[in-house]
Amino acid sequence: MKYETVKSILLTLLVFMSIGLTWSLWTYQPNLDLLVSGKYVEEVKMGERKEESKIIKPDRILYHTEGKHYGTSRINEIDKLMKEMSGWMFFDVKNHTEQAGTFKQAVHGNGKVEIVYPHEVPVEVFRNILNFEEKKLPSFQFDRIVIDMNSLHKDRGVVYFANSRNREIYISYISTSLMALFNRSFYERASQNPAYFAFEATEKRTIFLPEEETEMRAYKYWPKNLDSEEFKEALFKNPSLVQKSIVSTGEEYANDTSKMNIYTNKHLLVFINPAEDNGYLSGSTNLLRRGIDFINEHYGWTDPYRFVYLHEASQRVTFRLYSMDGYPIFNEEGLSEINQFWGKNAITRLTRPTFAMELPLETIKVVRPSGREALEFLQSQKGFKPELLDDLILGYRMDRDPVSNVITLEPAWFYLYNKKWVQISTEELGVMRHGLE
């Protein structure tokens, strides 16, 4: 090959390389994976990410059949029923309040199955949990799904979405084949669940309680401490600018606008962002979704938390810890809750525990008194007003040993009275009967 030919080929290659480099420079975009909205995207993984169906869950099922009542709070039964409903298609959703008659009869009447949620849920959020035929649904909130088994032999099955606070009822429909399958799988077996009785707290409110004693379990856990540095990465917009200090109560992290305190002795985290505009009111649908998404962003579901409360005026969302067997857990120091307060663009205040509970060290079978005994105790208290009683349920009291740090979960009765949860102590209702596992 002649020298001039080789020279021409080399020059041609250099020209193409130059064009390629120039094009690369013109079209280059920096890798923004490190920064999104001022936050490091390097994923913090404290626990898990969870779908909305795992966070927004009912805590009771009530069956009203042949003049009797049956119910359960067992997690396996609830999950089985919700899995069945996740395959249904709901259609023709509309307001049925005026046509429904009395709220008690529509919701608690014979032939009804109540799926009870701890707080009102915006129906739009439920699009990721149940299937709706309509692209646009009416705007409403509900705390009960009511399956009307009286419609079993009609041309379509009836399901209500009811709100016990404002007494609204929305009706929807499912196919008769789905209703027939539900009847065989669940309703015909209602009597296999514990028997319940109805307490008429007021003309408008009925509370259902177990007739007999309930066998539960007491637990002991060794807590796993969560990494404070991971909380810093998750909560601050630019973690590299955050200063850490050791203070008398534990650790303090701060920048120019926000502060996070890790209270070591209390096992509690408090994050505040006072610079964020907190005069903005977000609707319940957006507020709840923001609350769930925020925890999912840093894989913050370290234990089985569930949505239990939302308050639009204060822009507050609360998630409570539930036991392995499906009962709510209460703690006076806030160690069983994640509480969020939102501003326009970000959280203004967050509180949550700084530990996770793994496998229990010990479980003990215990028996708790019947609902009648718990109710009789409340009615015997001086000054008790039934109209202030919103609920009476079994749950767990969480305690932490200050020396060993062991977490104990002790079964107890709790009642929601004048908007506050209160425990009925074991001593007040009698000593539990223990039996080793």
Foldseek 3Di string as FASTA:
>chain_A
DDPVVVVVVVVVVVVVVVVVVVVCVVPDDDPCCQADPLAGLPAAAQAAADDQDLFFFFQKKWAAAPNFIFMDRFPVVRVVVLVLQQPWEKEDKDWCQVVQPALCCNAVNHQKMKRFTLDWDWVVSCVRRHHYPDPDDDTDIAGIKIWRLVCLPPQWTKIWGAHLPVGIIMIITTGSVSSVVCCVPDNVCRVVGFTWDWDPLDPRDIAIWGPFKDKDKKFKFQWAFADPLSVLSLADSHSVQWDWDQDPQGIWIDHPFKIWDQRPLLQKIKIAGQVFAQPDFDDPNVLVVVVSVSCSSRNNCQASWHWNDADRVQSKTKIFHADPRRFTEDEPSQAGMWMFGDGDPGTRMIMYGRIHTDDTPFMKMKIGGTPVLVVVLQVPDPPRRSVQWDYKDKHWYWDADSPSRMIMTDIFIWTQGNNDIDTDDCVSSDPIDIDGD
